[in-house]
Amino acid sequence: MTVVLYAGSQRSSESAPGRVTHHSFSFGPHYDPANLGFGPMVCHNDDALAPDAGYPDHPHTDLEIVTWVLEGALVHTDSTGGRHVLEAGRAQVLSAGSGLRHSEIADAASGACRFVQVWLTPSEPGLPPRYAIGEAPALGDGLVEVAGGSALPVRTPSARLLVARLDAGRSVSLPDAPLLHVFAATGEAAVGDHRLVGGDAVRITGEPGHTVTAQAPTELLVWSFREPAPRG
């Protein structure tokens, strides 16, 4: 049973024209055998894009790719012919399945874009690709489920993404789950004795009953995993 703080300042990062990406896990050339994932989560990226910048067309296979936009808007296109604009405060789920190509570019009309993207291992490989985009939920001082569970479908049944916007001094109780990944996207918050500022996360294993208290206005992203997903 553990609660481990991962400082945002310790994340690896890479830059490209118009883009800065912070990686919470081992990624590409930033290989760390001690930090390959957390349950079914194998990637947690925090991207800042200039208008019209981002990721041109590229492939994925057998990943559940969940994106939450914090600022601006992200234009998603894929090889199935889909094109969608994902505004701040909405989630999307791209199930790569047997394989597809997609691009993600900051919508120039909305200015700079910041988004957090998580890759999950699906419970079954090789399924047909699919895409889903959520509505903008009413966010407040409580955790709101935006992907997995009864929200947007994710092919990792153990996984749920919950989001809250906490005013200073407000608290939320974390879900009772064997694995929790708690990310302070903005603001400042405390989980027990651990203080989180924007970009920090705690990973909680087998230790229920925790509460998050905001010390400043905070946008909180919580991944809850009932059990690790099998790897195929």
Protein backbone atom coordinates (compact mmCIF):
# COMPACT_ATOMS: atom_id res chain seq x y z
CA MET A 1 0.00 0.00 0.00
CA THR A 2 1.67 3.17 -1.18
CA VAL A 3 1.12 6.84 -2.00
CA VAL A 4 3.95 8.17 -4.17
CA LEU A 5 4.37 11.77 -5.34
CA TYR A 6 5.69 12.35 -8.88
CA ALA A 7 6.74 15.97 -9.33
CA GLY A 8 5.85 17.58 -12.61
CA SER A 9 9.28 19.21 -12.69
CA GLN A 10 10.86 15.75 -12.87
CA ARG A 11 8.98 14.66 -15.98
CA SER A 12 10.95 14.18 -19.19
CA SER A 13 10.06 16.58 -21.97
CA GLU A 14 10.56 17.17 -25.66
CA SER A 15 10.05 20.14 -27.92
CA ALA A 16 9.16 20.57 -31.57
CA PRO A 17 8.13 23.67 -33.50
CA GLY A 18 5.07 25.04 -31.70
CA ARG A 19 4.88 22.17 -29.22
CA VAL A 20 6.19 21.19 -25.77
CA THR A 21 5.31 17.77 -24.32
CA HIS A 22 5.87 16.53 -20.77
CA HIS A 23 5.92 12.74 -20.28
CA SER A 24 4.92 11.20 -16.95
CA PHE A 25 6.11 7.72 -18.02
CA SER A 26 8.94 6.24 -20.03
CA PHE A 27 8.39 7.43 -23.61
CA GLY A 28 10.38 7.15 -26.83
CA PRO A 29 14.02 8.08 -26.24
CA HIS A 30 13.24 8.87 -22.58
CA TYR A 31 13.43 5.22 -21.49
CA ASP A 32 13.03 4.45 -17.80
CA PRO A 33 12.56 0.75 -16.97
CA ALA A 34 11.31 1.70 -13.49
CA ASN A 35 8.52 3.90 -14.87
CA LEU A 36 6.87 2.03 -17.74
CA GLY A 37 3.27 2.50 -16.64
CA PHE A 38 0.69 2.29 -13.89
CA GLY A 39 -1.85 -0.51 -14.22
CA PRO A 40 -3.18 -0.31 -17.79
CA MET A 41 -1.87 3.28 -18.20
CA VAL A 42 1.23 3.28 -20.40
CA CYS A 43 1.37 6.97 -21.33
CA HIS A 44 0.36 10.23 -19.63
CA ASN A 45 1.38 13.23 -21.74
CA ASP A 46 0.80 16.91 -21.03
CA ASP A 47 0.98 18.93 -24.27
CA ALA A 48 1.13 22.67 -24.91
CA LEU A 49 0.55 23.67 -28.55
CA ALA A 50 0.80 26.96 -30.37
CA PRO A 51 -2.07 27.72 -32.79
CA ASP A 52 -1.91 25.43 -35.84
CA ALA A 53 0.81 23.29 -34.23
CA GLY A 54 0.59 19.72 -33.03
CA TYR A 55 0.91 16.20 -34.35
CA PRO A 56 0.54 15.55 -38.08
CA ASP A 57 -0.88 12.29 -39.40
CA HIS A 58 0.59 9.23 -37.59
CA PRO A 59 -0.48 5.64 -36.81
CA HIS A 60 -1.64 3.80 -33.67
CA THR A 61 -2.64 0.21 -32.98
CA ASP A 62 -4.31 -1.41 -29.95
CA LEU A 63 -4.41 1.60 -27.68
CA GLU A 64 -7.27 3.38 -25.92
CA ILE A 65 -6.30 7.05 -26.34
CA VAL A 66 -8.17 9.37 -23.97
CA THR A 67 -7.76 13.13 -24.34
CA TRP A 68 -8.92 15.94 -22.05
CA VAL A 69 -8.50 19.53 -23.26
CA LEU A 70 -7.60 22.08 -20.59
CA GLU A 71 -7.27 25.19 -22.76
CA GLY A 72 -8.16 26.14 -26.34
CA ALA A 73 -9.38 23.47 -28.77
CA LEU A 74 -7.87 20.49 -30.57
CA VAL A 75 -8.74 19.47 -34.14
CA HIS A 76 -8.82 15.68 -34.52
CA THR A 77 -8.86 13.99 -37.93
CA ASP A 78 -8.51 10.27 -38.62
CA SER A 79 -8.30 7.74 -41.43
CA THR A 80 -11.94 6.73 -41.00
CA GLY A 81 -12.89 10.15 -42.39
CA GLY A 82 -13.72 11.68 -39.03
CA ARG A 83 -12.97 15.30 -38.19
CA HIS A 84 -13.89 16.77 -34.81
CA VAL A 85 -13.03 19.88 -32.81
CA LEU A 86 -12.51 19.10 -29.13
CA GLU A 87 -12.95 22.20 -26.97
CA ALA A 88 -11.68 22.76 -23.44
CA GLY A 89 -13.67 20.85 -20.86
CA ARG A 90 -14.51 17.91 -23.13
CA ALA A 91 -13.06 14.42 -23.46
CA GLN A 92 -12.53 12.19 -26.46
CA VAL A 93 -11.73 8.48 -26.71
CA LEU A 94 -9.97 7.06 -29.75
CA SER A 95 -9.88 3.26 -29.79
CA ALA A 96 -7.08 2.49 -32.22
CA GLY A 97 -7.93 -1.20 -32.32
CA SER A 98 -6.63 -2.99 -35.42
CA GLY A 99 -5.02 0.25 -36.60
CA LEU A 100 -5.69 3.76 -37.88
CA ARG A 101 -3.99 7.07 -38.54
CA HIS A 102 -4.90 10.41 -37.00
CA SER A 103 -3.68 13.95 -36.49
CA GLU A 104 -4.11 16.43 -33.63
CA ILE A 105 -3.63 20.12 -34.32
CA ALA A 106 -4.42 23.17 -32.16
CA ASP A 107 -7.41 25.03 -33.59
CA ALA A 108 -6.03 28.38 -34.74
CA ALA A 109 -9.31 30.17 -34.03
CA SER A 110 -9.11 29.17 -30.36
CA GLY A 111 -5.49 30.17 -29.81
CA ALA A 112 -3.00 28.10 -27.85
CA CYS A 113 -4.09 24.65 -26.71
CA ARG A 114 -3.15 22.52 -23.71
CA PHE A 115 -4.35 18.96 -23.35
CA VAL A 116 -3.61 15.84 -21.34
CA GLN A 117 -3.60 12.52 -23.16
CA VAL A 118 -3.50 9.03 -21.67
CA TRP A 119 -2.88 5.75 -23.48
CA LEU A 120 -4.39 2.60 -22.00
CA THR A 121 -3.91 -1.05 -22.86
CA PRO A 122 -7.24 -2.44 -24.15
CA SER A 123 -8.65 -5.63 -22.68
CA GLU A 124 -8.92 -7.18 -26.15
CA PRO A 125 -6.60 -6.42 -29.09
CA GLY A 126 -7.49 -6.23 -32.77
CA LEU A 127 -11.01 -4.80 -32.56
CA PRO A 128 -12.27 -2.34 -35.21
CA PRO A 129 -11.21 1.28 -34.57
CA ARG A 130 -13.80 3.69 -33.16
CA TYR A 131 -14.05 7.27 -31.92
CA ALA A 132 -16.27 9.04 -29.39
CA ILE A 133 -16.44 12.62 -28.19
CA GLY A 134 -18.14 13.75 -24.98
CA GLU A 135 -20.31 16.70 -24.14
CA ALA A 136 -18.97 19.48 -21.90
CA PRO A 137 -20.01 18.41 -18.38
CA ALA A 138 -20.92 20.84 -15.64
CA LEU A 139 -17.78 20.80 -13.52
CA GLY A 140 -17.66 22.01 -9.95
CA ASP A 141 -16.38 20.88 -6.59
CA GLY A 142 -17.28 17.22 -7.14
CA LEU A 143 -15.62 14.58 -9.30
CA VAL A 144 -17.44 14.03 -12.60
CA GLU A 145 -16.93 10.88 -14.65
CA VAL A 146 -15.99 11.84 -18.23
CA ALA A 147 -14.59 8.58 -19.68
CA GLY A 148 -15.04 4.92 -18.81
CA GLY A 149 -17.75 3.59 -16.53
CA SER A 150 -21.08 5.14 -17.56
CA ALA A 151 -19.41 7.93 -19.58
CA LEU A 152 -17.55 7.67 -22.92
CA PRO A 153 -16.87 3.99 -23.70
CA VAL A 154 -13.32 2.76 -23.14
CA ARG A 155 -12.15 -0.74 -24.06
CA THR A 156 -10.30 -0.98 -20.75
CA PRO A 157 -13.21 -1.91 -18.49
CA SER A 158 -11.29 -1.30 -15.27
CA ALA A 159 -10.61 2.36 -16.12
CA ARG A 160 -12.49 5.58 -15.34
CA LEU A 161 -11.45 9.21 -15.74
CA LEU A 162 -12.99 11.71 -13.32
CA VAL A 163 -12.47 15.47 -13.34
CA ALA A 164 -13.15 18.23 -10.79
CA ARG A 165 -12.59 21.97 -10.66
CA LEU A 166 -12.05 22.79 -7.01
CA ASP A 167 -12.24 26.21 -5.42
CA ALA A 168 -9.65 26.96 -2.76
CA GLY A 169 -10.51 25.20 0.48
CA ARG A 170 -12.82 22.62 -1.12
CA SER A 171 -12.22 18.88 -0.83
CA VAL A 172 -13.23 15.73 -2.70
CA SER A 173 -13.05 12.12 -1.61
CA LEU A 174 -11.18 9.88 -4.02
CA PRO A 175 -12.83 6.73 -5.39
CA ASP A 176 -12.28 3.46 -3.57
CA ALA A 177 -10.15 1.61 -6.11
CA PRO A 178 -6.95 -0.47 -5.97
CA LEU A 179 -5.09 1.96 -8.26
CA LEU A 180 -5.54 5.74 -8.44
CA HIS A 181 -3.60 8.28 -10.50
CA VAL A 182 -4.32 11.82 -9.24
CA PHE A 183 -3.02 14.67 -11.42
CA ALA A 184 -3.19 18.37 -10.56
CA ALA A 185 -3.39 19.92 -14.02
CA THR A 186 -3.55 23.43 -12.55
CA GLY A 187 -3.55 25.03 -9.13
CA GLU A 188 -2.39 23.56 -5.84
CA ALA A 189 -3.81 20.75 -3.71
CA ALA A 190 -2.96 18.34 -0.90
CA VAL A 191 -3.41 14.58 -0.70
CA GLY A 192 -2.58 13.61 2.86
CA ASP A 193 0.95 14.86 3.53
CA HIS A 194 1.66 15.36 -0.17
CA ARG A 195 1.38 18.84 -1.71
CA LEU A 196 0.67 19.00 -5.44
CA VAL A 197 1.20 21.99 -7.70
CA GLY A 198 0.28 22.14 -11.39
CA GLY A 199 1.89 19.22 -13.21
CA ASP A 200 2.34 17.03 -10.10
CA ALA A 201 0.68 13.66 -9.57
CA VAL A 202 0.33 11.02 -6.90
CA ARG A 203 -0.05 7.31 -7.63
CA ILE A 204 -1.97 5.46 -4.95
CA THR A 205 -1.88 1.68 -4.67
CA GLY A 206 -4.15 -0.30 -2.34
CA GLU A 207 -4.82 2.57 0.04
CA PRO A 208 -8.46 3.76 0.08
CA GLY A 209 -9.99 6.64 1.98
CA HIS A 210 -7.93 9.57 0.68
CA THR A 211 -9.21 13.12 0.23
CA VAL A 212 -7.90 15.90 -2.02
CA THR A 213 -8.11 19.46 -0.67
CA ALA A 214 -7.47 22.43 -2.95
CA GLN A 215 -5.18 25.16 -1.65
CA ALA A 216 -5.94 27.31 -4.73
CA PRO A 217 -8.37 26.93 -7.64
CA THR A 218 -7.40 23.53 -9.07
CA GLU A 219 -8.35 21.35 -12.03
CA LEU A 220 -7.98 17.75 -10.92
CA LEU A 221 -7.84 14.67 -13.19
CA VAL A 222 -8.27 11.32 -11.45
CA TRP A 223 -7.83 7.93 -13.11
CA SER A 224 -9.38 5.04 -11.20
CA PHE A 225 -8.44 1.43 -12.02
CA ARG A 226 -10.22 -1.52 -10.51
CA GLU A 227 -7.45 -3.87 -11.68
CA PRO A 228 -4.64 -3.88 -14.22
CA ALA A 229 -5.72 -4.68 -17.77
CA PRO A 230 -4.26 -7.83 -19.35
CA ARG A 231 -1.58 -7.20 -21.94
CA GLY A 232 -1.96 -8.90 -25.31
